Amino acid sequence: MELIKLNNDFYFAIENSGNKARLVVYNSGVENVCRKEGFAKLKRFTTSDEKKLFGGRLQLHKNIAGIAIEVKGKIEGIIKADDFLKLLSDAT
């Protein structure tokens, strides 16, 4: 499993969970929040006109810089869409 650093304390990963992807944000090495979603829906999000995916403690926001990862109401980091797709591909 590959981790992408969001900031000094937070890391983001995508894990395989059966037929779904498990998006996980770690805070200082401890799992902070996670969300399960279908692989196809996550791939569609990266190419669609949607700007936001999910509600709740873990949200994804798409902008010109990439995909912002929001944890509990605060943007913890932004990753490039290509890096997100690579994580997704590696998890399948």
PDB file of N, CA and C in Angstrom:
ATOM      1  N   MET A   1       0.844  -1.171   0.000  1.00  0.00           N
ATOM      2  CA  MET A   1       0.000   0.000   0.000  1.00  0.00           C
ATOM      3  C   MET A   1       0.895   1.242   0.000  1.00  0.00           C
ATOM      4  N   GLU A   2       0.620   2.109  -0.940  1.00  0.00           N
ATOM      5  CA  GLU A   2       1.382   3.349  -1.057  1.00  0.00           C
ATOM      6  C   GLU A   2       0.662   4.463  -0.309  1.00  0.00           C
ATOM      7  N   LEU A   3       1.429   5.264   0.415  1.00  0.00           N
ATOM      8  CA  LEU A   3       0.892   6.409   1.138  1.00  0.00           C
ATOM      9  C   LEU A   3       1.351   7.686   0.457  1.00  0.00           C
ATOM     10  N   ILE A   4       0.443   8.657   0.364  1.00  0.00           N
ATOM     11  CA  ILE A   4       0.791   9.972  -0.159  1.00  0.00           C
ATOM     12  C   ILE A   4       0.709  10.960   0.993  1.00  0.00           C
ATOM     13  N   LYS A   5       1.768  11.714   1.172  1.00  0.00           N
ATOM     14  CA  LYS A   5       1.827  12.694   2.261  1.00  0.00           C
ATOM     15  C   LYS A   5       0.958  13.898   1.912  1.00  0.00           C
ATOM     16  N   LEU A   6       0.031  14.233   2.812  1.00  0.00           N
ATOM     17  CA  LEU A   6      -0.830  15.392   2.627  1.00  0.00           C
ATOM     18  C   LEU A   6      -0.235  16.622   3.300  1.00  0.00           C
ATOM     19  N   ASN A   7       0.289  16.443   4.488  1.00  0.00           N
ATOM     20  CA  ASN A   7       0.977  17.500   5.232  1.00  0.00           C
ATOM     21  C   ASN A   7       1.887  16.830   6.258  1.00  0.00           C
ATOM     22  N   ASN A   8       2.355  17.560   7.243  1.00  0.00           N
ATOM     23  CA  ASN A   8       3.309  16.990   8.201  1.00  0.00           C
ATOM     24  C   ASN A   8       2.763  15.791   8.968  1.00  0.00           C
ATOM     25  N   ASP A   9       1.466  15.767   9.238  1.00  0.00           N
ATOM     26  CA  ASP A   9       0.888  14.706  10.066  1.00  0.00           C
ATOM     27  C   ASP A   9      -0.005  13.725   9.311  1.00  0.00           C
ATOM     28  N   PHE A  10      -0.555  14.125   8.172  1.00  0.00           N
ATOM     29  CA  PHE A  10      -1.584  13.334   7.498  1.00  0.00           C
ATOM     30  C   PHE A  10      -1.062  12.674   6.226  1.00  0.00           C
ATOM     31  N   TYR A  11      -1.462  11.402   6.048  1.00  0.00           N
ATOM     32  CA  TYR A  11      -1.147  10.627   4.853  1.00  0.00           C
ATOM     33  C   TYR A  11      -2.435  10.033   4.305  1.00  0.00           C
ATOM     34  N   PHE A  12      -2.470   9.834   2.981  1.00  0.00           N
ATOM     35  CA  PHE A  12      -3.654   9.319   2.300  1.00  0.00           C
ATOM     36  C   PHE A  12      -3.294   8.029   1.581  1.00  0.00           C
ATOM     37  N   ALA A  13      -4.202   7.055   1.626  1.00  0.00           N
ATOM     38  CA  ALA A  13      -4.000   5.778   0.931  1.00  0.00           C
ATOM     39  C   ALA A  13      -5.325   5.263   0.406  1.00  0.00           C
ATOM     40  N   ILE A  14      -5.240   4.423  -0.620  1.00  0.00           N
ATOM     41  CA  ILE A  14      -6.414   3.703  -1.123  1.00  0.00           C
ATOM     42  C   ILE A  14      -6.090   2.224  -1.037  1.00  0.00           C
ATOM     43  N   GLU A  15      -6.960   1.489  -0.353  1.00  0.00           N
ATOM     44  CA  GLU A  15      -6.777   0.050  -0.154  1.00  0.00           C
ATOM     45  C   GLU A  15      -7.908  -0.706  -0.845  1.00  0.00           C
ATOM     46  N   ASN A  16      -7.644  -1.953  -1.188  1.00  0.00           N
ATOM     47  CA  ASN A  16      -8.680  -2.810  -1.759  1.00  0.00           C
ATOM     48  C   ASN A  16      -9.488  -3.413  -0.620  1.00  0.00           C
ATOM     49  N   SER A  17     -10.805  -3.331  -0.751  1.00  0.00           N
ATOM     50  CA  SER A  17     -11.702  -3.921   0.236  1.00  0.00           C
ATOM     51  C   SER A  17     -12.776  -4.704  -0.503  1.00  0.00           C
ATOM     52  N   GLY A  18     -12.379  -5.846  -1.031  1.00  0.00           N
ATOM     53  CA  GLY A  18     -13.305  -6.654  -1.822  1.00  0.00           C
ATOM     54  C   GLY A  18     -13.544  -6.002  -3.166  1.00  0.00           C
ATOM     55  N   ASN A  19     -14.797  -5.667  -3.469  1.00  0.00           N
ATOM     56  CA  ASN A  19     -15.100  -5.023  -4.745  1.00  0.00           C
ATOM     57  C   ASN A  19     -15.181  -3.500  -4.612  1.00  0.00           C
ATOM     58  N   LYS A  20     -14.716  -2.982  -3.499  1.00  0.00           N
ATOM     59  CA  LYS A  20     -14.729  -1.537  -3.273  1.00  0.00           C
ATOM     60  C   LYS A  20     -13.336  -1.043  -2.906  1.00  0.00           C
ATOM     61  N   ALA A  21     -13.160   0.267  -3.071  1.00  0.00           N
ATOM     62  CA  ALA A  21     -11.928   0.918  -2.641  1.00  0.00           C
ATOM     63  C   ALA A  21     -12.165   1.490  -1.249  1.00  0.00           C
ATOM     64  N   ARG A  22     -11.149   1.405  -0.427  1.00  0.00           N
ATOM     65  CA  ARG A  22     -11.216   1.966   0.927  1.00  0.00           C
ATOM     66  C   ARG A  22     -10.243   3.132   0.976  1.00  0.00           C
ATOM     67  N   LEU A  23     -10.774   4.353   1.047  1.00  0.00           N
ATOM     68  CA  LEU A  23      -9.965   5.554   1.128  1.00  0.00           C
ATOM     69  C   LEU A  23      -9.674   5.808   2.599  1.00  0.00           C
ATOM     70  N   VAL A  24      -8.397   5.949   2.943  1.00  0.00           N
ATOM     71  CA  VAL A  24      -8.002   6.063   4.340  1.00  0.00           C
ATOM     72  C   VAL A  24      -7.083   7.271   4.518  1.00  0.00           C
ATOM     73  N   VAL A  25      -7.333   8.045   5.573  1.00  0.00           N
ATOM     74  CA  VAL A  25      -6.429   9.121   5.958  1.00  0.00           C
ATOM     75  C   VAL A  25      -5.850   8.753   7.320  1.00  0.00           C
ATOM     76  N   TYR A  26      -4.520   8.757   7.373  1.00  0.00           N
ATOM     77  CA  TYR A  26      -3.798   8.453   8.611  1.00  0.00           C
ATOM     78  C   TYR A  26      -3.278   9.752   9.220  1.00  0.00           C
ATOM     79  N   ASN A  27      -3.386   9.853  10.538  1.00  0.00           N
ATOM     80  CA  ASN A  27      -2.869  10.992  11.280  1.00  0.00           C
ATOM     81  C   ASN A  27      -1.787  10.470  12.212  1.00  0.00           C
ATOM     82  N   SER A  28      -0.549  10.876  11.968  1.00  0.00           N
ATOM     83  CA  SER A  28       0.600  10.415  12.765  1.00  0.00           C
ATOM     84  C   SER A  28       0.663   8.889  12.828  1.00  0.00           C
ATOM     85  N   GLY A  29       0.374   8.236  11.704  1.00  0.00           N
ATOM     86  CA  GLY A  29       0.468   6.784  11.613  1.00  0.00           C
ATOM     87  C   GLY A  29      -0.746   6.015  12.089  1.00  0.00           C
ATOM     88  N   VAL A  30      -1.759   6.720  12.612  1.00  0.00           N
ATOM     89  CA  VAL A  30      -2.974   6.074  13.113  1.00  0.00           C
ATOM     90  C   VAL A  30      -4.129   6.408  12.179  1.00  0.00           C
ATOM     91  N   GLU A  31      -4.932   5.399  11.840  1.00  0.00           N
ATOM     92  CA  GLU A  31      -6.076   5.635  10.965  1.00  0.00           C
ATOM     93  C   GLU A  31      -7.010   6.668  11.600  1.00  0.00           C
ATOM     94  N   ASN A  32      -7.296   7.725  10.843  1.00  0.00           N
ATOM     95  CA  ASN A  32      -8.131   8.815  11.342  1.00  0.00           C
ATOM     96  C   ASN A  32      -9.549   8.713  10.806  1.00  0.00           C
ATOM     97  N   VAL A  33      -9.695   8.621   9.478  1.00  0.00           N
ATOM     98  CA  VAL A  33     -11.006   8.462   8.844  1.00  0.00           C
ATOM     99  C   VAL A  33     -10.869   7.540   7.645  1.00  0.00           C
ATOM    100  N   CYS A  34     -11.980   6.921   7.259  1.00  0.00           N
ATOM    101  CA  CYS A  34     -11.979   6.113   6.049  1.00  0.00           C
ATOM    102  C   CYS A  34     -13.355   6.168   5.403  1.00  0.00           C
ATOM    103  N   ARG A  35     -13.388   5.759   4.135  1.00  0.00           N
ATOM    104  CA  ARG A  35     -14.635   5.734   3.383  1.00  0.00           C
ATOM    105  C   ARG A  35     -14.511   4.648   2.328  1.00  0.00           C
ATOM    106  N   LYS A  36     -15.538   3.833   2.173  1.00  0.00           N
ATOM    107  CA  LYS A  36     -15.555   2.808   1.130  1.00  0.00           C
ATOM    108  C   LYS A  36     -16.434   3.284  -0.012  1.00  0.00           C
ATOM    109  N   GLU A  37     -15.936   3.060  -1.231  1.00  0.00           N
ATOM    110  CA  GLU A  37     -16.686   3.455  -2.425  1.00  0.00           C
ATOM    111  C   GLU A  37     -16.265   2.570  -3.574  1.00  0.00           C
ATOM    112  N   GLY A  38     -17.136   2.427  -4.552  1.00  0.00           N
ATOM    113  CA  GLY A  38     -16.834   1.606  -5.720  1.00  0.00           C
ATOM    114  C   GLY A  38     -15.724   2.213  -6.562  1.00  0.00           C
ATOM    115  N   PHE A  39     -14.890   1.358  -7.139  1.00  0.00           N
ATOM    116  CA  PHE A  39     -13.779   1.820  -7.973  1.00  0.00           C
ATOM    117  C   PHE A  39     -14.278   2.649  -9.154  1.00  0.00           C
ATOM    118  N   ALA A  40     -15.350   2.182  -9.801  1.00  0.00           N
ATOM    119  CA  ALA A  40     -15.869   2.878 -10.985  1.00  0.00           C
ATOM    120  C   ALA A  40     -16.340   4.292 -10.642  1.00  0.00           C
ATOM    121  N   LYS A  41     -17.003   4.450  -9.512  1.00  0.00           N
ATOM    122  CA  LYS A  41     -17.481   5.780  -9.124  1.00  0.00           C
ATOM    123  C   LYS A  41     -16.323   6.733  -8.865  1.00  0.00           C
ATOM    124  N   LEU A  42     -15.258   6.235  -8.254  1.00  0.00           N
ATOM    125  CA  LEU A  42     -14.093   7.080  -7.982  1.00  0.00           C
ATOM    126  C   LEU A  42     -13.391   7.480  -9.282  1.00  0.00           C
ATOM    127  N   LYS A  43     -13.281   6.553 -10.236  1.00  0.00           N
ATOM    128  CA  LYS A  43     -12.682   6.882 -11.529  1.00  0.00           C
ATOM    129  C   LYS A  43     -13.526   7.912 -12.274  1.00  0.00           C
ATOM    130  N   ARG A  44     -14.839   7.741 -12.240  1.00  0.00           N
ATOM    131  CA  ARG A  44     -15.741   8.705 -12.893  1.00  0.00           C
ATOM    132  C   ARG A  44     -15.589  10.098 -12.296  1.00  0.00           C
ATOM    133  N   PHE A  45     -15.423  10.167 -10.988  1.00  0.00           N
ATOM    134  CA  PHE A  45     -15.277  11.462 -10.318  1.00  0.00           C
ATOM    135  C   PHE A  45     -14.089  12.247 -10.872  1.00  0.00           C
ATOM    136  N   THR A  46     -12.991  11.563 -11.154  1.00  0.00           N
ATOM    137  CA  THR A  46     -11.789  12.259 -11.621  1.00  0.00           C
ATOM    138  C   THR A  46     -11.967  12.855 -13.015  1.00  0.00           C
ATOM    139  N   THR A  47     -12.855  12.302 -13.816  1.00  0.00           N
ATOM    140  CA  THR A  47     -13.032  12.787 -15.185  1.00  0.00           C
ATOM    141  C   THR A  47     -14.324  13.565 -15.393  1.00  0.00           C
ATOM    142  N   SER A  48     -15.205  13.556 -14.425  1.00  0.00           N
ATOM    143  CA  SER A  48     -16.501  14.225 -14.580  1.00  0.00           C
ATOM    144  C   SER A  48     -16.411  15.704 -14.201  1.00  0.00           C
ATOM    145  N   ASP A  49     -17.538  16.383 -14.316  1.00  0.00           N
ATOM    146  CA  ASP A  49     -17.634  17.790 -13.921  1.00  0.00           C
ATOM    147  C   ASP A  49     -17.949  17.946 -12.439  1.00  0.00           C
ATOM    148  N   GLU A  50     -18.129  16.836 -11.728  1.00  0.00           N
ATOM    149  CA  GLU A  50     -18.398  16.913 -10.287  1.00  0.00           C
ATOM    150  C   GLU A  50     -17.235  17.587  -9.582  1.00  0.00           C
ATOM    151  N   LYS A  51     -17.558  18.448  -8.637  1.00  0.00           N
ATOM    152  CA  LYS A  51     -16.516  19.143  -7.877  1.00  0.00           C
ATOM    153  C   LYS A  51     -16.340  18.575  -6.478  1.00  0.00           C
ATOM    154  N   LYS A  52     -17.330  17.816  -5.998  1.00  0.00           N
ATOM    155  CA  LYS A  52     -17.273  17.301  -4.633  1.00  0.00           C
ATOM    156  C   LYS A  52     -17.799  15.874  -4.607  1.00  0.00           C
ATOM    157  N   LEU A  53     -17.142  15.048  -3.800  1.00  0.00           N
ATOM    158  CA  LEU A  53     -17.583  13.668  -3.616  1.00  0.00           C
ATOM    159  C   LEU A  53     -17.613  13.379  -2.127  1.00  0.00           C
ATOM    160  N   PHE A  54     -18.700  12.853  -1.682  1.00  0.00           N
ATOM    161  CA  PHE A  54     -18.936  12.468  -0.287  1.00  0.00           C
ATOM    162  C   PHE A  54     -19.366  13.657   0.577  1.00  0.00           C
ATOM    163  N   GLY A  55     -19.994  13.315   1.666  1.00  0.00           N
ATOM    164  CA  GLY A  55     -20.286  14.233   2.748  1.00  0.00           C
ATOM    165  C   GLY A  55     -19.705  13.575   3.991  1.00  0.00           C
ATOM    166  N   GLY A  56     -19.749  14.231   5.097  1.00  0.00           N
ATOM    167  CA  GLY A  56     -19.254  13.614   6.321  1.00  0.00           C
ATOM    168  C   GLY A  56     -17.818  13.966   6.637  1.00  0.00           C
ATOM    169  N   ARG A  57     -17.156  13.081   7.367  1.00  0.00           N
ATOM    170  CA  ARG A  57     -15.819  13.369   7.895  1.00  0.00           C
ATOM    171  C   ARG A  57     -14.719  13.336   6.836  1.00  0.00           C
ATOM    172  N   LEU A  58     -14.904  12.560   5.770  1.00  0.00           N
ATOM    173  CA  LEU A  58     -13.923  12.499   4.681  1.00  0.00           C
ATOM    174  C   LEU A  58     -14.605  12.936   3.391  1.00  0.00           C
ATOM    175  N   GLN A  59     -14.103  14.003   2.809  1.00  0.00           N
ATOM    176  CA  GLN A  59     -14.660  14.524   1.569  1.00  0.00           C
ATOM    177  C   GLN A  59     -13.546  14.770   0.564  1.00  0.00           C
ATOM    178  N   LEU A  60     -13.896  14.638  -0.716  1.00  0.00           N
ATOM    179  CA  LEU A  60     -12.964  14.935  -1.797  1.00  0.00           C
ATOM    180  C   LEU A  60     -13.506  16.125  -2.571  1.00  0.00           C
ATOM    181  N   HIS A  61     -12.642  17.097  -2.856  1.00  0.00           N
ATOM    182  CA  HIS A  61     -13.005  18.281  -3.624  1.00  0.00           C
ATOM    183  C   HIS A  61     -12.040  18.391  -4.796  1.00  0.00           C
ATOM    184  N   LYS A  62     -12.595  18.500  -6.002  1.00  0.00           N
ATOM    185  CA  LYS A  62     -11.758  18.595  -7.192  1.00  0.00           C
ATOM    186  C   LYS A  62     -11.618  20.061  -7.592  1.00  0.00           C
ATOM    187  N   ASN A  63     -10.386  20.481  -7.859  1.00  0.00           N
ATOM    188  CA  ASN A  63     -10.143  21.835  -8.346  1.00  0.00           C
ATOM    189  C   ASN A  63      -9.002  21.792  -9.352  1.00  0.00           C
ATOM    190  N   ILE A  64      -8.565  22.935  -9.811  1.00  0.00           N
ATOM    191  CA  ILE A  64      -7.529  22.990 -10.845  1.00  0.00           C
ATOM    192  C   ILE A  64      -6.198  22.408 -10.371  1.00  0.00           C
ATOM    193  N   ALA A  65      -5.933  22.487  -9.076  1.00  0.00           N
ATOM    194  CA  ALA A  65      -4.673  21.978  -8.525  1.00  0.00           C
ATOM    195  C   ALA A  65      -4.674  20.461  -8.366  1.00  0.00           C
ATOM    196  N   GLY A  66      -5.838  19.862  -8.275  1.00  0.00           N
ATOM    197  CA  GLY A  66      -5.936  18.418  -8.085  1.00  0.00           C
ATOM    198  C   GLY A  66      -7.141  18.058  -7.245  1.00  0.00           C
ATOM    199  N   ILE A  67      -6.989  17.088  -6.381  1.00  0.00           N
ATOM    200  CA  ILE A  67      -8.074  16.627  -5.518  1.00  0.00           C
ATOM    201  C   ILE A  67      -7.703  16.957  -4.081  1.00  0.00           C
ATOM    202  N   ALA A  68      -8.514  17.818  -3.471  1.00  0.00           N
ATOM    203  CA  ALA A  68      -8.284  18.216  -2.085  1.00  0.00           C
ATOM    204  C   ALA A  68      -8.935  17.188  -1.173  1.00  0.00           C
ATOM    205  N   ILE A  69      -8.221  16.813  -0.131  1.00  0.00           N
ATOM    206  CA  ILE A  69      -8.710  15.852   0.850  1.00  0.00           C
ATOM    207  C   ILE A  69      -9.126  16.635   2.088  1.00  0.00           C
ATOM    208  N   GLU A  70     -10.425  16.595   2.371  1.00  0.00           N
ATOM    209  CA  GLU A  70     -10.963  17.286   3.549  1.00  0.00           C
ATOM    210  C   GLU A  70     -11.252  16.266   4.636  1.00  0.00           C
ATOM    211  N   VAL A  71     -10.704  16.511   5.818  1.00  0.00           N
ATOM    212  CA  VAL A  71     -10.896  15.624   6.963  1.00  0.00           C
ATOM    213  C   VAL A  71     -11.525  16.432   8.093  1.00  0.00           C
ATOM    214  N   LYS A  72     -12.718  16.026   8.478  1.00  0.00           N
ATOM    215  CA  LYS A  72     -13.427  16.662   9.595  1.00  0.00           C
ATOM    216  C   LYS A  72     -13.499  18.177   9.436  1.00  0.00           C
ATOM    217  N   GLY A  73     -13.844  18.625   8.215  1.00  0.00           N
ATOM    218  CA  GLY A  73     -14.069  20.039   7.959  1.00  0.00           C
ATOM    219  C   GLY A  73     -12.844  20.861   7.613  1.00  0.00           C
ATOM    220  N   LYS A  74     -11.658  20.241   7.505  1.00  0.00           N
ATOM    221  CA  LYS A  74     -10.434  20.982   7.200  1.00  0.00           C
ATOM    222  C   LYS A  74      -9.690  20.314   6.046  1.00  0.00           C
ATOM    223  N   ILE A  75      -9.282  21.119   5.052  1.00  0.00           N
ATOM    224  CA  ILE A  75      -8.492  20.586   3.952  1.00  0.00           C
ATOM    225  C   ILE A  75      -7.094  20.260   4.484  1.00  0.00           C
ATOM    226  N   GLU A  76      -6.735  18.985   4.416  1.00  0.00           N
ATOM    227  CA  GLU A  76      -5.440  18.550   4.944  1.00  0.00           C
ATOM    228  C   GLU A  76      -4.366  18.466   3.872  1.00  0.00           C
ATOM    229  N   GLY A  77      -4.772  18.450   2.605  1.00  0.00           N
ATOM    230  CA  GLY A  77      -3.791  18.394   1.533  1.00  0.00           C
ATOM    231  C   GLY A  77      -4.450  18.220   0.185  1.00  0.00           C
ATOM    232  N   ILE A  78      -3.651  18.400  -0.851  1.00  0.00           N
ATOM    233  CA  ILE A  78      -4.122  18.248  -2.229  1.00  0.00           C
ATOM    234  C   ILE A  78      -3.178  17.285  -2.936  1.00  0.00           C
ATOM    235  N   ILE A  79      -3.769  16.349  -3.676  1.00  0.00           N
ATOM    236  CA  ILE A  79      -2.957  15.431  -4.478  1.00  0.00           C
ATOM    237  C   ILE A  79      -3.348  15.594  -5.942  1.00  0.00           C
ATOM    238  N   LYS A  80      -2.415  15.324  -6.828  1.00  0.00           N
ATOM    239  CA  LYS A  80      -2.689  15.416  -8.259  1.00  0.00           C
ATOM    240  C   LYS A  80      -3.667  14.314  -8.657  1.00  0.00           C
ATOM    241  N   ALA A  81      -4.509  14.615  -9.636  1.00  0.00           N
ATOM    242  CA  ALA A  81      -5.486  13.632 -10.110  1.00  0.00           C
ATOM    243  C   ALA A  81      -4.779  12.380 -10.621  1.00  0.00           C
ATOM    244  N   ASP A  82      -3.626  12.547 -11.279  1.00  0.00           N
ATOM    245  CA  ASP A  82      -2.874  11.392 -11.786  1.00  0.00           C
ATOM    246  C   ASP A  82      -2.394  10.498 -10.643  1.00  0.00           C
ATOM    247  N   ASP A  83      -1.960  11.114  -9.540  1.00  0.00           N
ATOM    248  CA  ASP A  83      -1.523  10.333  -8.378  1.00  0.00           C
ATOM    249  C   ASP A  83      -2.700   9.580  -7.762  1.00  0.00           C
ATOM    250  N   PHE A  84      -3.861  10.227  -7.724  1.00  0.00           N
ATOM    251  CA  PHE A  84      -5.078   9.591  -7.208  1.00  0.00           C
ATOM    252  C   PHE A  84      -5.426   8.373  -8.067  1.00  0.00           C
ATOM    253  N   LEU A  85      -5.395   8.549  -9.395  1.00  0.00           N
ATOM    254  CA  LEU A  85      -5.708   7.437 -10.298  1.00  0.00           C
ATOM    255  C   LEU A  85      -4.696   6.302 -10.177  1.00  0.00           C
ATOM    256  N   LYS A  86      -3.430   6.636  -9.937  1.00  0.00           N
ATOM    257  CA  LYS A  86      -2.413   5.589  -9.750  1.00  0.00           C
ATOM    258  C   LYS A  86      -2.694   4.793  -8.480  1.00  0.00           C
ATOM    259  N   LEU A  87      -3.020   5.485  -7.398  1.00  0.00           N
ATOM    260  CA  LEU A  87      -3.376   4.784  -6.153  1.00  0.00           C
ATOM    261  C   LEU A  87      -4.566   3.861  -6.382  1.00  0.00           C
ATOM    262  N   LEU A  88      -5.543   4.372  -7.121  1.00  0.00           N
ATOM    263  CA  LEU A  88      -6.747   3.598  -7.416  1.00  0.00           C
ATOM    264  C   LEU A  88      -6.408   2.361  -8.229  1.00  0.00           C
ATOM    265  N   SER A  89      -5.566   2.536  -9.223  1.00  0.00           N
ATOM    266  CA  SER A  89      -5.154   1.426 -10.086  1.00  0.00           C
ATOM    267  C   SER A  89      -4.358   0.385  -9.296  1.00  0.00           C
ATOM    268  N   ASP A  90      -3.457   0.855  -8.437  1.00  0.00           N
ATOM    269  CA  ASP A  90      -2.647  -0.065  -7.638  1.00  0.00           C
ATOM    270  C   ASP A  90      -3.482  -0.864  -6.651  1.00  0.00           C
ATOM    271  N   ALA A  91      -4.611  -0.299  -6.230  1.00  0.00           N
ATOM    272  CA  ALA A  91      -5.460  -0.967  -5.238  1.00  0.00           C
ATOM    273  C   ALA A  91      -6.353  -2.041  -5.852  1.00  0.00           C
ATOM    274  N   THR A  92      -6.551  -2.004  -7.173  1.00  0.00           N
ATOM    275  CA  THR A  92      -7.447  -2.990  -7.789  1.00  0.00           C
ATOM    276  C   THR A  92      -6.780  -4.324  -7.964  1.00  0.00           C
TER     277      THR A  92
END
